[in-house]
Amino acid sequence: MSNRTDKVLLLKGINTMALCLLCSFGGPTLLYLAFGNPNKPLYWPLILLGCIICVTAIVLGFKGLKHIGDSLFNQNQS
């Protein structure tokens, strides 16, 4: 067994972290817009969508770090 980095898994992890970065800016931005206009009709949908995007950013961050760690330390089971 060679000690090489799995480049396909590393690229998958980097792509996941890029999506995490987009979500970690998009979710709080939506929450900021929603809390700034509490009398608008889209107040609750924007809060709900912002919270979902923030949770998605956290999940994608953990998944991306797991993929990167697995690619560096050869933890793939294939």
PDB file of N, CA and C in Angstrom:
ATOM      1  N   MET A   1       0.843  -1.176   0.000  1.00  0.00           N
ATOM      2  CA  MET A   1       0.000   0.000   0.000  1.00  0.00           C
ATOM      3  C   MET A   1       0.889   1.241   0.000  1.00  0.00           C
ATOM      4  N   SER A   2       0.614   2.144  -0.905  1.00  0.00           N
ATOM      5  CA  SER A   2       1.421   3.358  -0.981  1.00  0.00           C
ATOM      6  C   SER A   2       0.764   4.478  -0.165  1.00  0.00           C
ATOM      7  N   ASN A   3       1.575   5.389   0.284  1.00  0.00           N
ATOM      8  CA  ASN A   3       1.093   6.523   1.067  1.00  0.00           C
ATOM      9  C   ASN A   3       0.883   7.719   0.150  1.00  0.00           C
ATOM     10  N   ARG A   4      -0.180   7.666  -0.632  1.00  0.00           N
ATOM     11  CA  ARG A   4      -0.470   8.748  -1.565  1.00  0.00           C
ATOM     12  C   ARG A   4      -1.824   9.344  -1.252  1.00  0.00           C
ATOM     13  N   THR A   5      -1.978  10.599  -1.600  1.00  0.00           N
ATOM     14  CA  THR A   5      -3.244  11.286  -1.385  1.00  0.00           C
ATOM     15  C   THR A   5      -4.232  10.896  -2.478  1.00  0.00           C
ATOM     16  N   ASP A   6      -5.461  10.574  -2.069  1.00  0.00           N
ATOM     17  CA  ASP A   6      -6.527  10.283  -3.019  1.00  0.00           C
ATOM     18  C   ASP A   6      -7.038  11.613  -3.575  1.00  0.00           C
ATOM     19  N   LYS A   7      -6.620  11.928  -4.789  1.00  0.00           N
ATOM     20  CA  LYS A   7      -6.905  13.239  -5.355  1.00  0.00           C
ATOM     21  C   LYS A   7      -8.387  13.442  -5.663  1.00  0.00           C
ATOM     22  N   VAL A   8      -9.088  12.381  -6.019  1.00  0.00           N
ATOM     23  CA  VAL A   8     -10.514  12.501  -6.313  1.00  0.00           C
ATOM     24  C   VAL A   8     -11.283  12.847  -5.039  1.00  0.00           C
ATOM     25  N   LEU A   9     -10.960  12.174  -3.953  1.00  0.00           N
ATOM     26  CA  LEU A   9     -11.621  12.448  -2.678  1.00  0.00           C
ATOM     27  C   LEU A   9     -11.232  13.821  -2.142  1.00  0.00           C
ATOM     28  N   LEU A  10      -9.999  14.230  -2.371  1.00  0.00           N
ATOM     29  CA  LEU A  10      -9.556  15.559  -1.953  1.00  0.00           C
ATOM     30  C   LEU A  10     -10.317  16.641  -2.715  1.00  0.00           C
ATOM     31  N   LEU A  11     -10.504  16.456  -3.998  1.00  0.00           N
ATOM     32  CA  LEU A  11     -11.249  17.417  -4.801  1.00  0.00           C
ATOM     33  C   LEU A  11     -12.709  17.480  -4.370  1.00  0.00           C
ATOM     34  N   LYS A  12     -13.282  16.333  -4.021  1.00  0.00           N
ATOM     35  CA  LYS A  12     -14.652  16.307  -3.517  1.00  0.00           C
ATOM     36  C   LYS A  12     -14.755  17.081  -2.202  1.00  0.00           C
ATOM     37  N   GLY A  13     -13.761  16.935  -1.337  1.00  0.00           N
ATOM     38  CA  GLY A  13     -13.749  17.667  -0.082  1.00  0.00           C
ATOM     39  C   GLY A  13     -13.586  19.160  -0.285  1.00  0.00           C
ATOM     40  N   ILE A  14     -12.758  19.557  -1.227  1.00  0.00           N
ATOM     41  CA  ILE A  14     -12.563  20.984  -1.506  1.00  0.00           C
ATOM     42  C   ILE A  14     -13.837  21.591  -2.092  1.00  0.00           C
ATOM     43  N   ASN A  15     -14.515  20.844  -2.972  1.00  0.00           N
ATOM     44  CA  ASN A  15     -15.781  21.337  -3.524  1.00  0.00           C
ATOM     45  C   ASN A  15     -16.835  21.476  -2.436  1.00  0.00           C
ATOM     46  N   THR A  16     -16.878  20.532  -1.518  1.00  0.00           N
ATOM     47  CA  THR A  16     -17.829  20.607  -0.407  1.00  0.00           C
ATOM     48  C   THR A  16     -17.527  21.808   0.482  1.00  0.00           C
ATOM     49  N   MET A  17     -16.245  22.077   0.719  1.00  0.00           N
ATOM     50  CA  MET A  17     -15.877  23.234   1.529  1.00  0.00           C
ATOM     51  C   MET A  17     -16.204  24.547   0.808  1.00  0.00           C
ATOM     52  N   ALA A  18     -16.137  24.558  -0.524  1.00  0.00           N
ATOM     53  CA  ALA A  18     -16.514  25.756  -1.279  1.00  0.00           C
ATOM     54  C   ALA A  18     -18.014  26.027  -1.138  1.00  0.00           C
ATOM     55  N   LEU A  19     -18.826  24.975  -1.187  1.00  0.00           N
ATOM     56  CA  LEU A  19     -20.261  25.143  -0.957  1.00  0.00           C
ATOM     57  C   LEU A  19     -20.543  25.597   0.468  1.00  0.00           C
ATOM     58  N   CYS A  20     -19.759  25.088   1.414  1.00  0.00           N
ATOM     59  CA  CYS A  20     -19.889  25.502   2.804  1.00  0.00           C
ATOM     60  C   CYS A  20     -19.598  26.991   2.938  1.00  0.00           C
ATOM     61  N   LEU A  21     -18.604  27.475   2.242  1.00  0.00           N
ATOM     62  CA  LEU A  21     -18.252  28.893   2.294  1.00  0.00           C
ATOM     63  C   LEU A  21     -19.388  29.761   1.746  1.00  0.00           C
ATOM     64  N   LEU A  22     -19.987  29.327   0.645  1.00  0.00           N
ATOM     65  CA  LEU A  22     -21.114  30.073   0.088  1.00  0.00           C
ATOM     66  C   LEU A  22     -22.294  30.098   1.053  1.00  0.00           C
ATOM     67  N   CYS A  23     -22.576  28.958   1.669  1.00  0.00           N
ATOM     68  CA  CYS A  23     -23.699  28.890   2.617  1.00  0.00           C
ATOM     69  C   CYS A  23     -23.409  29.687   3.882  1.00  0.00           C
ATOM     70  N   SER A  24     -22.156  29.728   4.309  1.00  0.00           N
ATOM     71  CA  SER A  24     -21.862  30.450   5.542  1.00  0.00           C
ATOM     72  C   SER A  24     -21.906  31.961   5.350  1.00  0.00           C
ATOM     73  N   PHE A  25     -21.915  32.443   4.126  1.00  0.00           N
ATOM     74  CA  PHE A  25     -22.158  33.864   3.894  1.00  0.00           C
ATOM     75  C   PHE A  25     -23.625  34.122   3.539  1.00  0.00           C
ATOM     76  N   GLY A  26     -24.240  33.193   2.837  1.00  0.00           N
ATOM     77  CA  GLY A  26     -25.623  33.389   2.401  1.00  0.00           C
ATOM     78  C   GLY A  26     -26.643  33.312   3.520  1.00  0.00           C
ATOM     79  N   GLY A  27     -26.475  32.365   4.431  1.00  0.00           N
ATOM     80  CA  GLY A  27     -27.432  32.195   5.519  1.00  0.00           C
ATOM     81  C   GLY A  27     -27.506  33.398   6.449  1.00  0.00           C
ATOM     82  N   PRO A  28     -26.387  33.857   6.994  1.00  0.00           N
ATOM     83  CA  PRO A  28     -26.447  35.047   7.845  1.00  0.00           C
ATOM     84  C   PRO A  28     -26.908  36.308   7.107  1.00  0.00           C
ATOM     85  N   THR A  29     -26.622  36.403   5.815  1.00  0.00           N
ATOM     86  CA  THR A  29     -27.099  37.549   5.047  1.00  0.00           C
ATOM     87  C   THR A  29     -28.626  37.556   4.979  1.00  0.00           C
ATOM     88  N   LEU A  30     -29.205  36.383   4.726  1.00  0.00           N
ATOM     89  CA  LEU A  30     -30.668  36.299   4.713  1.00  0.00           C
ATOM     90  C   LEU A  30     -31.258  36.596   6.082  1.00  0.00           C
ATOM     91  N   LEU A  31     -30.622  36.118   7.136  1.00  0.00           N
ATOM     92  CA  LEU A  31     -31.105  36.405   8.481  1.00  0.00           C
ATOM     93  C   LEU A  31     -31.019  37.898   8.792  1.00  0.00           C
ATOM     94  N   TYR A  32     -29.955  38.538   8.368  1.00  0.00           N
ATOM     95  CA  TYR A  32     -29.803  39.974   8.578  1.00  0.00           C
ATOM     96  C   TYR A  32     -30.904  40.751   7.850  1.00  0.00           C
ATOM     97  N   LEU A  33     -31.184  40.344   6.616  1.00  0.00           N
ATOM     98  CA  LEU A  33     -32.239  41.014   5.860  1.00  0.00           C
ATOM     99  C   LEU A  33     -33.609  40.796   6.500  1.00  0.00           C
ATOM    100  N   ALA A  34     -33.835  39.590   7.006  1.00  0.00           N
ATOM    101  CA  ALA A  34     -35.132  39.301   7.620  1.00  0.00           C
ATOM    102  C   ALA A  34     -35.307  40.057   8.925  1.00  0.00           C
ATOM    103  N   PHE A  35     -34.287  40.095   9.769  1.00  0.00           N
ATOM    104  CA  PHE A  35     -34.416  40.788  11.048  1.00  0.00           C
ATOM    105  C   PHE A  35     -34.473  42.306  10.877  1.00  0.00           C
ATOM    106  N   GLY A  36     -34.023  42.802   9.763  1.00  0.00           N
ATOM    107  CA  GLY A  36     -34.092  44.232   9.502  1.00  0.00           C
ATOM    108  C   GLY A  36     -35.473  44.696   9.084  1.00  0.00           C
ATOM    109  N   ASN A  37     -36.307  43.786   8.620  1.00  0.00           N
ATOM    110  CA  ASN A  37     -37.662  44.128   8.158  1.00  0.00           C
ATOM    111  C   ASN A  37     -38.691  43.201   8.790  1.00  0.00           C
ATOM    112  N   PRO A  38     -38.970  43.350  10.086  1.00  0.00           N
ATOM    113  CA  PRO A  38     -39.902  42.407  10.730  1.00  0.00           C
ATOM    114  C   PRO A  38     -41.365  42.598  10.323  1.00  0.00           C
ATOM    115  N   ASN A  39     -41.717  43.696   9.691  1.00  0.00           N
ATOM    116  CA  ASN A  39     -43.111  43.938   9.311  1.00  0.00           C
ATOM    117  C   ASN A  39     -43.437  43.499   7.890  1.00  0.00           C
ATOM    118  N   LYS A  40     -42.482  42.981   7.172  1.00  0.00           N
ATOM    119  CA  LYS A  40     -42.707  42.552   5.794  1.00  0.00           C
ATOM    120  C   LYS A  40     -43.379  41.172   5.765  1.00  0.00           C
ATOM    121  N   PRO A  41     -44.060  40.848   4.670  1.00  0.00           N
ATOM    122  CA  PRO A  41     -44.733  39.537   4.606  1.00  0.00           C
ATOM    123  C   PRO A  41     -43.769  38.353   4.479  1.00  0.00           C
ATOM    124  N   LEU A  42     -42.541  38.581   4.028  1.00  0.00           N
ATOM    125  CA  LEU A  42     -41.579  37.480   3.884  1.00  0.00           C
ATOM    126  C   LEU A  42     -40.685  37.312   5.111  1.00  0.00           C
ATOM    127  N   TYR A  43     -41.089  37.859   6.244  1.00  0.00           N
ATOM    128  CA  TYR A  43     -40.266  37.802   7.455  1.00  0.00           C
ATOM    129  C   TYR A  43     -39.998  36.361   7.889  1.00  0.00           C
ATOM    130  N   TRP A  44     -41.047  35.591   8.107  1.00  0.00           N
ATOM    131  CA  TRP A  44     -40.859  34.217   8.594  1.00  0.00           C
ATOM    132  C   TRP A  44     -40.246  33.280   7.552  1.00  0.00           C
ATOM    133  N   PRO A  45     -40.637  33.354   6.277  1.00  0.00           N
ATOM    134  CA  PRO A  45     -39.949  32.484   5.302  1.00  0.00           C
ATOM    135  C   PRO A  45     -38.453  32.776   5.181  1.00  0.00           C
ATOM    136  N   LEU A  46     -38.066  34.062   5.271  1.00  0.00           N
ATOM    137  CA  LEU A  46     -36.639  34.388   5.190  1.00  0.00           C
ATOM    138  C   LEU A  46     -35.878  33.887   6.418  1.00  0.00           C
ATOM    139  N   ILE A  47     -36.496  33.983   7.589  1.00  0.00           N
ATOM    140  CA  ILE A  47     -35.837  33.463   8.796  1.00  0.00           C
ATOM    141  C   ILE A  47     -35.673  31.955   8.698  1.00  0.00           C
ATOM    142  N   LEU A  48     -36.717  31.271   8.257  1.00  0.00           N
ATOM    143  CA  LEU A  48     -36.651  29.815   8.114  1.00  0.00           C
ATOM    144  C   LEU A  48     -35.591  29.415   7.090  1.00  0.00           C
ATOM    145  N   LEU A  49     -35.582  30.076   5.949  1.00  0.00           N
ATOM    146  CA  LEU A  49     -34.599  29.764   4.911  1.00  0.00           C
ATOM    147  C   LEU A  49     -33.178  30.074   5.374  1.00  0.00           C
ATOM    148  N   GLY A  50     -32.992  31.187   6.074  1.00  0.00           N
ATOM    149  CA  GLY A  50     -31.668  31.536   6.588  1.00  0.00           C
ATOM    150  C   GLY A  50     -31.162  30.517   7.593  1.00  0.00           C
ATOM    151  N   CYS A  51     -32.038  30.045   8.479  1.00  0.00           N
ATOM    152  CA  CYS A  51     -31.637  29.029   9.469  1.00  0.00           C
ATOM    153  C   CYS A  51     -31.286  27.711   8.786  1.00  0.00           C
ATOM    154  N   ILE A  52     -32.055  27.329   7.789  1.00  0.00           N
ATOM    155  CA  ILE A  52     -31.765  26.085   7.062  1.00  0.00           C
ATOM    156  C   ILE A  52     -30.419  26.186   6.352  1.00  0.00           C
ATOM    157  N   ILE A  53     -30.134  27.325   5.746  1.00  0.00           N
ATOM    158  CA  ILE A  53     -28.856  27.500   5.050  1.00  0.00           C
ATOM    159  C   ILE A  53     -27.693  27.503   6.047  1.00  0.00           C
ATOM    160  N   CYS A  54     -27.886  28.091   7.230  1.00  0.00           N
ATOM    161  CA  CYS A  54     -26.825  28.078   8.247  1.00  0.00           C
ATOM    162  C   CYS A  54     -26.536  26.660   8.737  1.00  0.00           C
ATOM    163  N   VAL A  55     -27.581  25.871   8.960  1.00  0.00           N
ATOM    164  CA  VAL A  55     -27.381  24.480   9.380  1.00  0.00           C
ATOM    165  C   VAL A  55     -26.713  23.681   8.260  1.00  0.00           C
ATOM    166  N   THR A  56     -27.100  23.962   7.024  1.00  0.00           N
ATOM    167  CA  THR A  56     -26.474  23.301   5.879  1.00  0.00           C
ATOM    168  C   THR A  56     -24.989  23.628   5.801  1.00  0.00           C
ATOM    169  N   ALA A  57     -24.622  24.862   6.105  1.00  0.00           N
ATOM    170  CA  ALA A  57     -23.206  25.252   6.098  1.00  0.00           C
ATOM    171  C   ALA A  57     -22.419  24.457   7.133  1.00  0.00           C
ATOM    172  N   ILE A  58     -23.001  24.252   8.312  1.00  0.00           N
ATOM    173  CA  ILE A  58     -22.309  23.486   9.356  1.00  0.00           C
ATOM    174  C   ILE A  58     -22.128  22.040   8.928  1.00  0.00           C
ATOM    175  N   VAL A  59     -23.188  21.435   8.373  1.00  0.00           N
ATOM    176  CA  VAL A  59     -23.114  20.036   7.938  1.00  0.00           C
ATOM    177  C   VAL A  59     -22.098  19.880   6.808  1.00  0.00           C
ATOM    178  N   LEU A  60     -22.130  20.790   5.841  1.00  0.00           N
ATOM    179  CA  LEU A  60     -21.180  20.718   4.728  1.00  0.00           C
ATOM    180  C   LEU A  60     -19.745  20.915   5.204  1.00  0.00           C
ATOM    181  N   GLY A  61     -19.552  21.743   6.217  1.00  0.00           N
ATOM    182  CA  GLY A  61     -18.210  21.940   6.760  1.00  0.00           C
ATOM    183  C   GLY A  61     -17.648  20.660   7.354  1.00  0.00           C
ATOM    184  N   PHE A  62     -18.461  19.966   8.143  1.00  0.00           N
ATOM    185  CA  PHE A  62     -18.004  18.701   8.721  1.00  0.00           C
ATOM    186  C   PHE A  62     -17.767  17.640   7.662  1.00  0.00           C
ATOM    187  N   LYS A  63     -18.679  17.561   6.677  1.00  0.00           N
ATOM    188  CA  LYS A  63     -18.500  16.570   5.613  1.00  0.00           C
ATOM    189  C   LYS A  63     -17.251  16.870   4.777  1.00  0.00           C
ATOM    190  N   GLY A  64     -17.020  18.147   4.485  1.00  0.00           N
ATOM    191  CA  GLY A  64     -15.842  18.524   3.700  1.00  0.00           C
ATOM    192  C   GLY A  64     -14.551  18.208   4.431  1.00  0.00           C
ATOM    193  N   LEU A  65     -14.503  18.509   5.730  1.00  0.00           N
ATOM    194  CA  LEU A  65     -13.307  18.176   6.516  1.00  0.00           C
ATOM    195  C   LEU A  65     -13.098  16.674   6.610  1.00  0.00           C
ATOM    196  N   LYS A  66     -14.186  15.917   6.699  1.00  0.00           N
ATOM    197  CA  LYS A  66     -14.063  14.453   6.740  1.00  0.00           C
ATOM    198  C   LYS A  66     -13.503  13.918   5.426  1.00  0.00           C
ATOM    199  N   HIS A  67     -14.007  14.449   4.302  1.00  0.00           N
ATOM    200  CA  HIS A  67     -13.493  14.005   2.991  1.00  0.00           C
ATOM    201  C   HIS A  67     -12.012  14.347   2.834  1.00  0.00           C
ATOM    202  N   ILE A  68     -11.632  15.540   3.249  1.00  0.00           N
ATOM    203  CA  ILE A  68     -10.231  15.943   3.125  1.00  0.00           C
ATOM    204  C   ILE A  68      -9.350  15.084   4.026  1.00  0.00           C
ATOM    205  N   GLY A  69      -9.790  14.842   5.249  1.00  0.00           N
ATOM    206  CA  GLY A  69      -9.019  13.986   6.154  1.00  0.00           C
ATOM    207  C   GLY A  69      -8.902  12.563   5.643  1.00  0.00           C
ATOM    208  N   ASP A  70      -9.997  12.030   5.099  1.00  0.00           N
ATOM    209  CA  ASP A  70      -9.959  10.675   4.551  1.00  0.00           C
ATOM    210  C   ASP A  70      -9.024  10.582   3.352  1.00  0.00           C
ATOM    211  N   SER A  71      -8.979  11.630   2.540  1.00  0.00           N
ATOM    212  CA  SER A  71      -8.100  11.583   1.369  1.00  0.00           C
ATOM    213  C   SER A  71      -6.627  11.673   1.772  1.00  0.00           C
ATOM    214  N   LEU A  72      -6.337  12.434   2.812  1.00  0.00           N
ATOM    215  CA  LEU A  72      -4.940  12.594   3.231  1.00  0.00           C
ATOM    216  C   LEU A  72      -4.419  11.376   3.985  1.00  0.00           C
ATOM    217  N   PHE A  73      -5.285  10.741   4.765  1.00  0.00           N
ATOM    218  CA  PHE A  73      -4.843   9.627   5.599  1.00  0.00           C
ATOM    219  C   PHE A  73      -5.293   8.266   5.080  1.00  0.00           C
ATOM    220  N   ASN A  74      -5.743   8.206   3.817  1.00  0.00           N
ATOM    221  CA  ASN A  74      -6.101   6.948   3.158  1.00  0.00           C
ATOM    222  C   ASN A  74      -7.110   6.135   3.943  1.00  0.00           C
ATOM    223  N   GLN A  75      -8.219   6.751   4.337  1.00  0.00           N
ATOM    224  CA  GLN A  75      -9.244   6.060   5.101  1.00  0.00           C
ATOM    225  C   GLN A  75     -10.394   5.570   4.218  1.00  0.00           C
ATOM    226  N   ASN A  76     -10.244   5.613   2.903  1.00  0.00           N
ATOM    227  CA  ASN A  76     -11.320   5.137   2.039  1.00  0.00           C
ATOM    228  C   ASN A  76     -11.370   3.611   2.086  1.00  0.00           C
ATOM    229  N   GLN A  77     -12.586   3.088   2.007  1.00  0.00           N
ATOM    230  CA  GLN A  77     -12.799   1.649   2.139  1.00  0.00           C
ATOM    231  C   GLN A  77     -12.921   0.953   0.794  1.00  0.00           C
ATOM    232  N   SER A  78     -12.659   1.644  -0.299  1.00  0.00           N
ATOM    233  CA  SER A  78     -12.788   1.014  -1.614  1.00  0.00           C
ATOM    234  C   SER A  78     -11.533   0.302  -2.044  1.00  0.00           C
TER     235      SER A  78
END
